């Protein structure tokens, strides 16, 4: 692949990289120096009190996984990026299972022990897991990045799409064993199988409301080992390059024809744009017209907000909508992305994680096709200014019916502390408790010592792994072991919602679920991908009730215009709602 050097100077908030050349230099193998964790400012002047307690149960639950970057001293750019994870029920037994994406050794290089593969863990039903990778046919090696799961062929089980540097992989689930159907399906990630592409985030979404799930794939930059650029932060040794020096790649949209074959409709849908350097993607219906829209977080380029025009095409309205740039009109280094209704008012908020010295963005609807970055007003800026935030995820961890926000942090450069004293390679995650008005309080220090341990954080995913009603949390770690946090919240009230969509969209992706309790309403858009290269459990949807004993009503707007109402529903129940009934 050709590499195009940018003529635009790197933003002042990014690493100061000295580009020397892409060949003829022998990079040094450097290790991270000794450093101490910097002190981050707390939002609102202090820490919140909360009943949430996160306990690290990674090893005790049976998760024995080490992410492999393949690093061998050359500091190739993809080593900084991955990887993600997905909670989903692969064997249809009602328990949420866990898929961890792995990268690989570089060609011509080998490490110690067996070659790295993806790793699938089956939930035993009590929050502990069994490694079923080989039995499920997932002992495959690729330089993996992200994952998204859905039942794209409407046969009743969840299929898997893995993104990678090179060619992506579509794995059809045949009764609990996965079969590679990438070639026959025609979803390599790039324009064709002969053009390997560096893909990142991906999402299943029914863009045309025909019931069949289409596939949206984010692509990053045009990079290969042969075109890897030399960069340095200390003037003497090679550092990891940032994306300003590389040409971007267009995202791709593959339309599901319903017979196991997809068609690349990127250009006809109005989505062909090689200025993007895309990492995160999330889907929502921002204008409540029944058609799913798409948000893409771009690294050092403006973000995209693709409004679905309902005729097979999209219009990028990000600039006029106010989500493309920061308040000064500059493109930030967007990583992960998520969306939630923070107040129950019908106004969606988009959170985007950004590079070090760039706070998390919180773009909130203030009118039709119009957003405003309210991160400062939401009390997020002080705590998120210093860290490098990859994953961002909304979830109601305390079950009070109000979305909270968690961020996964970690730098790309092991030796960053030697040149930037406020930065470390490993960084602690952050948890912000929502108050229902669109504001948050930093509760990171209040949820247990396990949570504050620094890691090189990347993706985030949530699920109720132990079926106790509250949401547990997974943080993926680049080049290390993930962290699985069990939420030991004291018992409180909640309801679950299990959607049964009309075939072929059996899980009702694209529906909006509203839960009414007294004067408050919670609103959730049913989608696959979120956070960063990852996916939280889609089934069932968990709604906290804040101590209430009953839900007045649950309203489901299915993709399009059809609505279903249920209620009242008692706390502690999981109600199944079927489309058309």
Protein backbone atom coordinates (compact mmCIF):
# COMPACT_ATOMS: atom_id res chain seq x y z
CA UNK A 1 0.00 0.00 0.00
CA UNK A 2 1.15 3.51 -0.77
CA UNK A 3 1.79 5.87 2.09
CA UNK A 4 1.08 9.57 1.80
CA UNK A 5 2.74 11.96 4.24
CA UNK A 6 0.40 14.61 5.51
CA UNK A 7 1.17 18.20 4.60
CA UNK A 8 -0.76 19.39 7.64
CA UNK A 9 1.32 19.86 10.81
CA UNK A 10 0.49 17.55 13.65
CA UNK A 11 -1.84 19.06 16.25
CA UNK A 12 -0.02 20.58 19.20
CA UNK A 13 -1.75 18.23 21.58
CA UNK A 14 -0.38 15.12 19.86
CA UNK A 15 3.05 13.59 20.34
CA UNK A 16 5.83 15.63 18.84
CA UNK A 17 7.16 13.15 16.29
CA UNK A 18 10.28 13.61 14.24
CA UNK A 19 9.85 11.89 10.89
CA UNK A 20 13.22 10.69 9.68
CA UNK A 21 12.31 8.18 6.96
CA UNK A 22 10.80 4.78 6.43
CA UNK A 23 13.93 2.73 5.71
CA UNK A 24 17.59 2.53 6.51
CA UNK A 25 17.20 3.20 10.24
CA UNK A 26 17.81 0.55 12.86
CA UNK A 27 15.27 1.17 15.63
CA UNK A 28 16.22 0.72 19.21
CA UNK A 29 14.37 -1.68 21.44
CA UNK A 30 13.45 0.46 24.42
CA UNK A 31 11.59 -0.48 27.54
CA UNK A 32 9.33 1.59 29.69
CA UNK A 33 11.19 3.57 32.38
CA UNK A 34 10.21 3.51 36.01
CA UNK A 35 7.46 6.01 36.71
CA UNK A 36 4.66 6.82 39.04
CA UNK A 37 1.01 7.23 38.16
CA UNK A 38 0.14 10.92 37.58
CA UNK A 39 -2.54 12.51 39.69
CA UNK A 40 -5.68 13.32 37.70
CA UNK A 41 -8.00 16.07 38.76
CA UNK A 42 -11.37 14.93 40.06
CA UNK A 43 -14.57 16.16 38.52
CA UNK A 44 -16.60 18.36 40.78
CA UNK A 45 -13.70 18.72 43.20
CA UNK A 46 -13.92 15.26 44.72
CA UNK A 47 -15.01 11.68 44.44
CA UNK A 48 -18.59 10.47 44.50
CA UNK A 49 -19.98 8.00 46.94
CA UNK A 50 -21.55 4.98 45.27
CA UNK A 51 -22.67 1.47 46.15
CA UNK A 52 -20.88 0.07 43.11
CA UNK A 53 -17.92 -2.18 43.99
CA UNK A 54 -15.72 -3.59 41.25
CA UNK A 55 -13.81 -6.74 42.16
CA UNK A 56 -11.19 -8.13 39.77
CA UNK A 57 -12.27 -11.74 39.14
CA UNK A 58 -10.27 -12.30 35.95
CA UNK A 59 -8.27 -15.28 37.12
CA UNK A 60 -10.76 -16.65 39.61
CA UNK A 61 -13.40 -16.74 36.88
CA UNK A 62 -11.14 -18.79 34.62
CA UNK A 63 -10.03 -16.08 32.15
CA UNK A 64 -6.42 -16.97 31.32
CA UNK A 65 -5.62 -14.77 28.35
CA UNK A 66 -2.67 -12.62 27.33
CA UNK A 67 -3.04 -10.28 24.40
CA UNK A 68 -0.08 -10.49 22.02
CA UNK A 69 1.05 -7.46 20.02
CA UNK A 70 3.86 -9.23 18.19
CA UNK A 71 6.25 -6.42 19.12
CA UNK A 72 9.89 -7.25 18.47
CA UNK A 73 11.54 -3.82 18.61
CA UNK A 74 10.60 -2.31 15.26
CA UNK A 75 7.61 -0.49 16.80
CA UNK A 76 5.16 -1.09 14.01
CA UNK A 77 2.07 1.05 14.34
CA UNK A 78 -0.63 -1.67 14.72
CA UNK A 79 1.04 -2.85 17.93
CA UNK A 80 -0.46 0.15 19.73
CA UNK A 81 -4.10 -0.31 18.75
CA UNK A 82 -5.78 -3.51 19.81
CA UNK A 83 -7.73 -5.35 20.76
CA UNK A 84 -11.41 -5.69 21.58
CA UNK A 85 -13.82 -8.20 23.08
CA UNK A 86 -17.46 -9.24 22.89
CA UNK A 87 -20.00 -10.60 25.35
CA UNK A 88 -22.54 -12.76 23.53
CA UNK A 89 -24.34 -16.10 23.88
CA UNK A 90 -22.48 -18.24 21.35
CA UNK A 91 -24.16 -21.55 22.31
CA UNK A 92 -27.72 -20.21 22.86
CA UNK A 93 -27.92 -21.58 26.40
CA UNK A 94 -29.02 -18.28 27.96
CA UNK A 95 -25.66 -17.44 29.57
CA UNK A 96 -23.43 -14.68 28.28
CA UNK A 97 -20.07 -15.91 26.94
CA UNK A 98 -16.88 -13.99 26.21
CA UNK A 99 -14.77 -13.70 23.05
CA UNK A 100 -11.35 -12.03 23.38
CA UNK A 101 -9.66 -10.81 20.20
CA UNK A 102 -5.94 -11.49 19.87
CA UNK A 103 -3.30 -10.19 17.53
CA UNK A 104 -0.39 -12.27 16.25
CA UNK A 105 3.28 -12.64 15.62
CA UNK A 106 4.50 -10.72 12.62
CA UNK A 107 5.37 -12.68 9.50
CA UNK A 108 8.84 -14.13 9.78
CA UNK A 109 8.87 -13.65 13.54
CA UNK A 110 7.90 -16.09 16.23
CA UNK A 111 7.54 -15.88 19.96
CA UNK A 112 7.62 -18.46 22.69
CA UNK A 113 4.99 -21.17 23.05
CA UNK A 114 1.98 -21.82 20.81
CA UNK A 115 0.98 -19.26 18.19
CA UNK A 116 -1.57 -16.73 19.51
CA UNK A 117 -5.23 -17.29 18.61
CA UNK A 118 -8.59 -15.79 19.42
CA UNK A 119 -10.02 -17.04 22.71
CA UNK A 120 -13.64 -18.04 23.46
CA UNK A 121 -14.82 -18.64 27.02
CA UNK A 122 -18.14 -20.34 27.76
CA UNK A 123 -20.03 -19.14 30.82
CA UNK A 124 -20.80 -21.99 33.21
CA UNK A 125 -23.88 -20.08 34.41
CA UNK A 126 -22.35 -18.72 37.61
CA UNK A 127 -19.92 -16.12 36.28
CA UNK A 128 -17.04 -18.54 35.84
CA UNK A 129 -15.79 -19.54 32.40
CA UNK A 130 -14.41 -22.51 30.49
CA UNK A 131 -12.05 -22.17 27.53
CA UNK A 132 -13.86 -23.67 24.52
CA UNK A 133 -11.75 -22.04 21.81
CA UNK A 134 -10.66 -25.19 20.02
CA UNK A 135 -14.01 -26.96 20.30
CA UNK A 136 -15.75 -23.92 18.79
CA UNK A 137 -13.27 -23.62 15.92
CA UNK A 138 -11.98 -20.24 17.04
CA UNK A 139 -8.34 -21.28 17.43
CA UNK A 140 -7.48 -19.15 14.43
CA UNK A 141 -4.57 -16.75 14.14
CA UNK A 142 -4.76 -13.29 12.60
CA UNK A 143 -3.60 -9.83 13.58
CA UNK A 144 -6.97 -9.12 15.14
CA UNK A 145 -8.42 -5.75 16.10
CA UNK A 146 -12.16 -5.65 16.77
CA UNK A 147 -15.26 -7.82 16.90
CA UNK A 148 -18.99 -7.56 16.39
CA UNK A 149 -21.56 -10.34 16.68
CA UNK A 150 -25.09 -10.85 15.38
CA UNK A 151 -27.30 -13.44 13.72
CA UNK A 152 -26.76 -12.22 10.16
CA UNK A 153 -28.22 -15.37 8.52
CA UNK A 154 -31.31 -15.60 10.75
CA UNK A 155 -30.69 -19.21 11.80
CA UNK A 156 -31.02 -18.52 15.52
CA UNK A 157 -27.40 -18.32 16.62
CA UNK A 158 -24.86 -15.54 16.86
CA UNK A 159 -22.22 -15.15 14.16
CA UNK A 160 -18.89 -13.34 14.55
CA UNK A 161 -17.06 -10.76 12.44
CA UNK A 162 -13.40 -10.09 13.31
CA UNK A 163 -11.51 -7.07 12.00
CA UNK A 164 -7.77 -7.18 11.45
CA UNK A 165 -4.75 -5.78 9.70
CA UNK A 166 -4.99 -7.59 6.39
CA UNK A 167 -8.19 -9.48 5.69
CA UNK A 168 -11.10 -9.59 8.12
CA UNK A 169 -12.90 -12.82 8.98
CA UNK A 170 -16.63 -13.64 8.99
CA UNK A 171 -17.36 -16.72 11.08
CA UNK A 172 -20.76 -18.34 10.64
CA UNK A 173 -22.02 -20.07 13.76
CA UNK A 174 -23.16 -23.59 12.91
CA UNK A 175 -24.66 -24.80 16.16
CA UNK A 176 -21.80 -23.65 18.37
CA UNK A 177 -18.94 -24.26 15.95
CA UNK A 178 -17.68 -21.47 13.74
CA UNK A 179 -16.91 -21.73 10.02
CA UNK A 180 -14.93 -19.17 8.02
CA UNK A 181 -17.21 -17.88 5.23
CA UNK A 182 -15.40 -14.62 4.48
CA UNK A 183 -14.66 -15.38 0.84
CA UNK A 184 -18.11 -16.68 -0.08
CA UNK A 185 -19.79 -13.83 1.81
CA UNK A 186 -17.57 -11.14 0.23
CA UNK A 187 -16.76 -9.08 3.33
CA UNK A 188 -12.94 -8.72 3.41
CA UNK A 189 -13.04 -5.25 4.97
CA UNK A 190 -11.50 -3.40 2.07
CA UNK A 191 -12.81 -2.79 -1.45
CA UNK A 192 -11.93 -6.37 -2.43
CA UNK A 193 -10.01 -9.43 -1.26
CA UNK A 194 -6.94 -8.37 -3.24
CA UNK A 195 -6.60 -5.10 -1.29
CA UNK A 196 -5.79 -5.92 2.35
CA UNK A 197 -6.93 -3.18 4.68
CA UNK A 198 -6.37 -2.25 8.30
CA UNK A 199 -9.88 -2.53 9.74
CA UNK A 200 -10.88 -1.53 13.26
CA UNK A 201 -14.44 -1.05 14.56
CA UNK A 202 -17.43 -2.75 12.95
CA UNK A 203 -21.18 -2.92 13.50
CA UNK A 204 -24.12 -4.97 12.29
CA UNK A 205 -26.99 -2.69 11.29
CA UNK A 206 -30.08 -3.00 9.10
CA UNK A 207 -29.56 0.21 7.14
CA UNK A 208 -32.39 -0.32 4.64
CA UNK A 209 -34.98 -1.89 7.00
CA UNK A 210 -35.36 -5.02 4.90
CA UNK A 211 -34.76 -7.15 8.00
CA UNK A 212 -31.37 -8.47 6.89
CA UNK A 213 -28.41 -7.21 8.89
CA UNK A 214 -25.86 -5.25 6.89
CA UNK A 215 -22.24 -4.76 7.93
CA UNK A 216 -20.47 -1.43 8.47
CA UNK A 217 -16.66 -1.64 8.78
CA UNK A 218 -14.29 1.11 9.92
CA UNK A 219 -10.86 1.32 8.32
CA UNK A 220 -7.86 3.16 9.68
CA UNK A 221 -4.82 4.12 7.58
CA UNK A 222 -2.77 2.79 4.68
CA UNK A 223 0.06 1.04 6.50
CA UNK A 224 2.26 -1.95 5.83
CA UNK A 225 5.59 -3.17 7.27
CA UNK A 226 7.25 -1.98 4.06
CA UNK A 227 5.94 1.57 4.46
CA UNK A 228 6.34 1.89 8.22
CA UNK A 229 7.62 5.36 9.08
CA UNK A 230 10.40 6.18 11.48
CA UNK A 231 9.41 8.52 14.27
CA UNK A 232 10.98 9.53 17.57
CA UNK A 233 9.92 11.38 20.70
CA UNK A 234 13.36 11.59 22.30
CA UNK A 235 15.51 12.30 19.24
CA UNK A 236 17.46 9.06 19.47
CA UNK A 237 15.26 5.96 19.43
CA UNK A 238 12.28 4.90 17.35
CA UNK A 239 8.81 5.59 18.71
CA UNK A 240 5.38 4.57 17.52
CA UNK A 241 4.08 6.83 14.77
CA UNK A 242 0.73 8.58 14.93
CA UNK A 243 -1.73 8.62 12.00
CA UNK A 244 -1.03 12.15 10.69
CA UNK A 245 1.76 10.72 8.54
CA UNK A 246 -0.46 8.20 6.75
CA UNK A 247 -3.22 8.32 4.16
CA UNK A 248 -6.60 7.33 5.51
CA UNK A 249 -8.91 4.56 4.30
CA UNK A 250 -12.62 4.71 3.63
CA UNK A 251 -15.08 2.82 5.79
CA UNK A 252 -17.06 0.14 3.93
CA UNK A 253 -20.74 -0.80 3.94
CA UNK A 254 -21.71 -4.31 2.86
CA UNK A 255 -25.38 -4.91 2.07
CA UNK A 256 -26.77 -8.30 3.12
CA UNK A 257 -28.55 -9.92 0.19
CA UNK A 258 -30.14 -12.57 2.38
CA UNK A 259 -28.47 -15.59 0.82
CA UNK A 260 -25.16 -15.51 2.66
CA UNK A 261 -23.67 -13.02 0.19
CA UNK A 262 -22.95 -9.33 0.74
CA UNK A 263 -22.47 -6.52 -1.78
CA UNK A 264 -20.15 -3.56 -1.25
CA UNK A 265 -22.44 -0.52 -1.52
CA UNK A 266 -20.04 2.01 0.01
CA UNK A 267 -19.98 4.32 -3.00
CA UNK A 268 -23.64 4.17 -3.93
CA UNK A 269 -24.58 4.78 -0.27
CA UNK A 270 -22.51 7.98 -0.24
CA UNK A 271 -20.02 6.65 2.29
CA UNK A 272 -16.81 6.58 0.26
CA UNK A 273 -14.40 8.94 2.05
CA UNK A 274 -10.65 8.30 2.33
CA UNK A 275 -10.06 11.29 4.61
CA UNK A 276 -11.27 9.31 7.59
CA UNK A 277 -8.95 7.42 9.92
CA UNK A 278 -11.69 5.54 11.65
CA UNK A 279 -11.50 3.59 14.91
CA UNK A 280 -14.87 3.59 16.70
CA UNK A 281 -18.44 3.23 15.45
CA UNK A 282 -21.85 3.34 17.10
CA UNK A 283 -25.39 3.26 15.70
CA UNK A 284 -28.49 5.15 16.86
CA UNK A 285 -31.59 6.81 15.44
CA UNK A 286 -30.79 10.40 16.26
CA UNK A 287 -33.77 12.04 14.58
CA UNK A 288 -36.30 9.36 15.60
CA UNK A 289 -37.41 8.70 12.03
CA UNK A 290 -37.05 4.92 12.37
CA UNK A 291 -33.88 4.75 10.24
CA UNK A 292 -30.53 3.95 11.90
CA UNK A 293 -27.79 6.59 11.71
CA UNK A 294 -24.06 5.96 12.15
CA UNK A 295 -21.38 7.84 14.13
CA UNK A 296 -17.70 7.25 13.40
CA UNK A 297 -14.82 8.46 15.60
CA UNK A 298 -11.78 9.44 13.55
CA UNK A 299 -8.18 9.76 14.70
CA UNK A 300 -6.75 13.24 13.92
CA UNK A 301 -9.49 13.79 11.34
CA UNK A 302 -13.02 15.13 11.77
CA UNK A 303 -15.62 12.69 13.06
CA UNK A 304 -18.47 11.48 10.84
CA UNK A 305 -22.19 11.54 11.55
CA UNK A 306 -23.97 9.71 8.77
CA UNK A 307 -27.69 10.51 8.68
CA UNK A 308 -29.69 7.74 7.06
CA UNK A 309 -31.75 9.32 4.28
CA UNK A 310 -34.09 6.32 4.05
CA UNK A 311 -33.42 5.71 0.36
CA UNK A 312 -30.24 3.65 0.53
CA UNK A 313 -27.98 6.68 0.95
CA UNK A 314 -26.40 8.59 3.82
CA UNK A 315 -25.45 12.24 4.30
CA UNK A 316 -22.52 13.21 6.50
CA UNK A 317 -23.90 16.03 8.65
CA UNK A 318 -21.12 16.00 11.26
CA UNK A 319 -19.80 19.50 10.51
CA UNK A 320 -23.12 21.31 10.58
CA UNK A 321 -24.35 19.11 13.45
CA UNK A 322 -21.36 20.12 15.59
CA UNK A 323 -19.76 16.70 16.22
CA UNK A 324 -16.92 16.86 13.70
CA UNK A 325 -14.48 19.04 15.66
CA UNK A 326 -13.78 20.38 19.13
CA UNK A 327 -15.07 23.78 20.24
CA UNK A 328 -12.08 25.48 18.60
CA UNK A 329 -12.73 23.87 15.22
CA UNK A 330 -9.88 21.34 15.50
CA UNK A 331 -10.01 17.65 14.75
CA UNK A 332 -9.20 15.57 17.81
CA UNK A 333 -7.78 12.07 17.94
CA UNK A 334 -11.04 10.14 18.33
CA UNK A 335 -10.86 6.54 19.54
CA UNK A 336 -13.93 4.86 21.03
CA UNK A 337 -17.52 6.09 20.89
CA UNK A 338 -20.85 5.41 22.55
CA UNK A 339 -24.31 6.96 22.72
CA UNK A 340 -27.00 7.27 25.41
CA UNK A 341 -30.00 9.31 26.48
CA UNK A 342 -28.65 10.77 29.73
CA UNK A 343 -31.80 12.49 30.96
CA UNK A 344 -34.72 10.54 29.49
CA UNK A 345 -35.63 13.65 27.51
CA UNK A 346 -35.24 12.09 24.09
CA UNK A 347 -31.93 13.88 23.48
CA UNK A 348 -29.04 11.58 22.57
CA UNK A 349 -25.50 12.23 23.80
CA UNK A 350 -22.41 10.97 21.97
CA UNK A 351 -19.26 10.29 24.01
CA UNK A 352 -15.91 10.07 22.19
CA UNK A 353 -12.60 9.12 23.77
CA UNK A 354 -9.61 11.18 22.62
CA UNK A 355 -5.82 11.36 22.82
CA UNK A 356 -3.82 12.55 25.82
CA UNK A 357 -4.38 16.24 26.62
CA UNK A 358 -7.68 16.09 24.75
CA UNK A 359 -10.71 15.63 27.01
CA UNK A 360 -13.51 13.21 26.30
CA UNK A 361 -16.11 14.75 24.01
CA UNK A 362 -19.78 14.69 25.05
CA UNK A 363 -21.91 15.90 22.16
CA UNK A 364 -25.52 16.35 23.29
CA UNK A 365 -28.53 17.06 21.06
CA UNK A 366 -29.84 20.58 21.41
CA UNK A 367 -32.04 20.62 18.31
CA UNK A 368 -32.76 18.76 15.10
CA UNK A 369 -29.44 17.61 13.61
CA UNK A 370 -27.63 19.87 16.07
CA UNK A 371 -25.29 18.95 18.94
CA UNK A 372 -23.16 20.81 21.46
CA UNK A 373 -20.06 19.49 23.26
CA UNK A 374 -21.12 19.64 26.91
CA UNK A 375 -18.20 17.72 28.41
CA UNK A 376 -17.25 20.73 30.49
CA UNK A 377 -20.76 21.37 31.77
CA UNK A 378 -21.08 17.63 32.48
CA UNK A 379 -17.97 17.80 34.71
CA UNK A 380 -15.93 15.43 32.56
CA UNK A 381 -13.18 17.70 31.26
CA UNK A 382 -10.90 17.94 34.30
CA UNK A 383 -10.63 14.20 34.89
CA UNK A 384 -10.28 13.25 31.23
CA UNK A 385 -7.88 15.96 30.02
CA UNK A 386 -4.61 14.20 30.86
CA UNK A 387 -5.27 10.49 30.16
CA UNK A 388 -5.29 8.92 26.69
CA UNK A 389 -8.82 7.52 26.47
CA UNK A 390 -9.52 4.66 24.08
CA UNK A 391 -12.76 3.04 25.20
CA UNK A 392 -15.85 4.95 26.39
CA UNK A 393 -19.03 3.19 27.42
CA UNK A 394 -22.38 4.19 28.90
CA UNK A 395 -23.97 1.74 31.34
CA UNK A 396 -26.12 1.91 34.48
CA UNK A 397 -23.76 0.26 36.96
CA UNK A 398 -25.65 1.37 40.10
CA UNK A 399 -29.09 0.50 38.68
CA UNK A 400 -30.59 3.88 39.51
CA UNK A 401 -32.00 4.22 36.00
CA UNK A 402 -29.38 6.78 34.93
CA UNK A 403 -26.50 6.04 32.53
CA UNK A 404 -23.00 6.16 33.97
CA UNK A 405 -19.83 6.53 31.90
CA UNK A 406 -16.63 4.49 32.06
CA UNK A 407 -13.38 5.19 30.21
CA UNK A 408 -10.46 2.85 29.42
CA UNK A 409 -7.11 4.65 29.35
CA UNK A 410 -3.58 3.83 28.31
CA UNK A 411 -0.84 5.37 26.20
CA UNK A 412 0.61 4.10 22.91
CA UNK A 413 4.26 4.70 23.81
CA UNK A 414 5.94 2.65 26.59
CA UNK A 415 8.60 5.30 27.15
CA UNK A 416 6.29 8.32 27.18
CA UNK A 417 7.03 9.23 30.81
CA UNK A 418 10.62 10.07 29.92
CA UNK A 419 9.51 13.02 27.78
CA UNK A 420 6.08 13.88 29.22
CA UNK A 421 6.03 13.74 32.99
CA UNK A 422 2.24 13.87 33.23
CA UNK A 423 1.92 10.73 31.09
CA UNK A 424 2.41 7.04 31.83
CA UNK A 425 2.08 4.00 29.63
CA UNK A 426 -0.36 2.20 31.92
CA UNK A 427 -3.21 4.41 33.19
CA UNK A 428 -6.13 3.75 35.49
CA UNK A 429 -9.68 3.57 34.14
CA UNK A 430 -12.25 6.18 35.11
CA UNK A 431 -15.86 5.79 36.23
CA UNK A 432 -18.34 8.67 36.25
CA UNK A 433 -21.72 8.32 37.93
CA UNK A 434 -24.57 10.12 36.15
CA UNK A 435 -26.98 12.29 38.12
CA UNK A 436 -29.86 12.32 35.62
CA UNK A 437 -29.36 15.94 34.54
CA UNK A 438 -26.57 15.24 32.06
CA UNK A 439 -23.83 15.76 34.66
CA UNK A 440 -21.40 13.26 36.18
CA UNK A 441 -19.26 12.85 39.27
CA UNK A 442 -15.95 11.00 39.26
CA UNK A 443 -16.39 7.83 41.31
CA UNK A 444 -13.22 6.09 40.17
CA UNK A 445 -11.70 6.02 43.66
CA UNK A 446 -14.90 4.87 45.33
CA UNK A 447 -15.47 1.48 43.65
CA UNK A 448 -12.56 -0.48 45.10
CA UNK A 449 -8.80 -0.67 44.83
CA UNK A 450 -8.95 -3.28 42.05
CA UNK A 451 -10.43 -0.74 39.67
CA UNK A 452 -7.71 1.87 40.21
CA UNK A 453 -4.81 -0.36 39.16
CA UNK A 454 -3.19 1.15 36.03
CA UNK A 455 -3.42 -0.85 32.79
CA UNK A 456 -2.82 -0.18 29.09
CA UNK A 457 -6.57 -0.03 28.57
CA UNK A 458 -8.32 -0.26 25.23
CA UNK A 459 -11.82 -1.78 24.83
CA UNK A 460 -14.79 -1.98 27.20
CA UNK A 461 -17.74 -4.34 27.36
CA UNK A 462 -20.49 -5.02 29.89
CA UNK A 463 -22.70 -7.98 30.71
CA UNK A 464 -24.38 -9.54 33.69
CA UNK A 465 -22.00 -12.49 33.88
CA UNK A 466 -23.36 -13.93 37.13
CA UNK A 467 -27.08 -13.28 36.55
CA UNK A 468 -27.50 -11.15 39.68
CA UNK A 469 -29.13 -8.25 37.85
CA UNK A 470 -26.26 -5.75 37.79
CA UNK A 471 -23.75 -5.12 35.02
CA UNK A 472 -20.19 -6.39 35.26
CA UNK A 473 -17.34 -4.83 33.30
CA UNK A 474 -14.48 -6.03 31.09
CA UNK A 475 -11.47 -3.87 30.18
CA UNK A 476 -9.19 -5.16 27.43
CA UNK A 477 -5.46 -4.54 27.81
CA UNK A 478 -3.03 -4.05 24.94
CA UNK A 479 -0.19 -6.53 25.30
CA UNK A 480 -1.51 -7.87 28.59
CA UNK A 481 -4.27 -9.65 30.45
CA UNK A 482 -7.81 -8.21 30.40
CA UNK A 483 -9.51 -7.14 33.60
CA UNK A 484 -12.91 -8.64 34.39
CA UNK A 485 -14.62 -6.70 37.17
CA UNK A 486 -17.56 -8.26 38.97
CA UNK A 487 -20.01 -5.63 40.17
CA UNK A 488 -20.80 -6.37 43.83
CA UNK A 489 -23.63 -3.85 44.03
CA UNK A 490 -26.01 -4.52 46.95
CA UNK A 491 -29.32 -5.99 45.76
CA UNK A 492 -31.62 -3.42 44.17
CA UNK A 493 -34.42 -3.39 41.63
CA UNK A 494 -34.15 -3.96 37.91
CA UNK A 495 -35.94 -5.47 34.92
CA UNK A 496 -34.66 -7.26 31.87
CA UNK A 497 -36.04 -6.95 28.34
CA UNK A 498 -35.59 -9.72 25.78
CA UNK A 499 -36.60 -8.63 22.29
CA UNK A 500 -37.79 -11.15 19.74
CA UNK A 501 -37.78 -9.40 16.41
CA UNK A 502 -39.52 -10.54 13.27
CA UNK A 503 -37.38 -12.68 10.97
CA UNK A 504 -34.77 -12.14 9.71
CA UNK A 505 -33.82 -9.51 12.33
CA UNK A 506 -34.41 -11.89 15.22
CA UNK A 507 -32.84 -9.75 17.98
CA UNK A 508 -34.60 -6.54 17.01
CA UNK A 509 -31.43 -4.58 16.23
CA UNK A 510 -32.40 -0.99 15.51
CA UNK A 511 -35.31 -0.93 17.94
CA UNK A 512 -35.65 1.74 20.62
CA UNK A 513 -36.78 0.53 24.05
CA UNK A 514 -38.31 3.01 26.52
CA UNK A 515 -38.96 2.04 30.15
CA UNK A 516 -41.36 4.22 32.16
CA UNK A 517 -41.14 4.33 35.96
CA UNK A 518 -43.18 7.09 37.58
CA UNK A 519 -42.12 10.37 36.04
CA UNK A 520 -38.84 9.03 34.66
CA UNK A 521 -38.12 7.29 31.40
CA UNK A 522 -35.09 5.35 30.23
CA UNK A 523 -34.40 5.01 26.54
CA UNK A 524 -32.08 2.48 24.91
CA UNK A 525 -31.24 1.93 21.23
CA UNK A 526 -30.58 -1.73 20.46
CA UNK A 527 -27.26 -2.00 18.64
CA UNK A 528 -24.17 -4.14 18.47
CA UNK A 529 -20.83 -2.31 18.56
CA UNK A 530 -19.87 0.33 21.13
CA UNK A 531 -16.91 1.49 23.18
CA UNK A 532 -13.74 0.66 21.23
CA UNK A 533 -13.39 -2.43 19.00
CA UNK A 534 -15.80 -4.20 21.37
CA UNK A 535 -19.39 -5.20 22.00
CA UNK A 536 -21.47 -5.48 25.16
CA UNK A 537 -24.18 -8.08 25.64
CA UNK A 538 -27.27 -7.27 23.54
CA UNK A 539 -29.62 -9.83 25.10
CA UNK A 540 -31.17 -9.20 27.53
CA UNK A 541 -31.26 -5.44 28.00
CA UNK A 542 -30.90 -4.52 31.68
CA UNK A 543 -32.75 -1.52 33.16
CA UNK A 544 -32.17 -0.28 36.71
CA UNK A 545 -35.24 0.91 38.60
CA UNK A 546 -33.64 2.95 41.37
CA UNK A 547 -35.44 0.98 44.06
CA UNK A 548 -38.86 1.00 42.39
CA UNK A 549 -40.84 -2.23 42.64
CA UNK A 550 -42.69 -2.00 39.36
CA UNK A 551 -42.31 -0.65 35.82
CA UNK A 552 -45.38 1.21 34.62
CA UNK A 553 -44.82 0.33 30.97
CA UNK A 554 -42.23 -0.71 28.41
CA UNK A 555 -42.58 0.66 24.88
CA UNK A 556 -40.63 -0.79 21.96
CA UNK A 557 -40.38 1.10 18.70
CA UNK A 558 -39.26 -1.53 16.26
CA UNK A 559 -37.16 -0.60 13.21
CA UNK A 560 -39.49 1.55 11.16
CA UNK A 561 -42.74 2.71 12.82
CA UNK A 562 -44.36 -0.28 14.56
CA UNK A 563 -44.72 -0.03 18.36
CA UNK A 564 -45.37 -2.58 21.09
CA UNK A 565 -46.35 -1.77 24.68
CA UNK A 566 -46.08 -3.99 27.78
CA UNK A 567 -46.77 -3.35 31.42
CA UNK A 568 -46.91 -3.12 34.26
CA UNK A 569 -43.86 -5.33 34.93
CA UNK A 570 -42.60 -6.30 38.38
CA UNK A 571 -39.00 -5.69 39.39
CA UNK A 572 -36.71 -8.68 38.97
CA UNK A 573 -38.52 -9.99 35.90
CA UNK A 574 -37.10 -10.43 32.41
CA UNK A 575 -39.93 -9.85 29.98
CA UNK A 576 -39.93 -11.14 26.40
CA UNK A 577 -41.44 -8.78 23.85
CA UNK A 578 -42.19 -10.07 20.38
CA UNK A 579 -42.48 -7.88 17.32
CA UNK A 580 -45.99 -7.83 15.92
CA UNK A 581 -47.63 -9.01 19.16
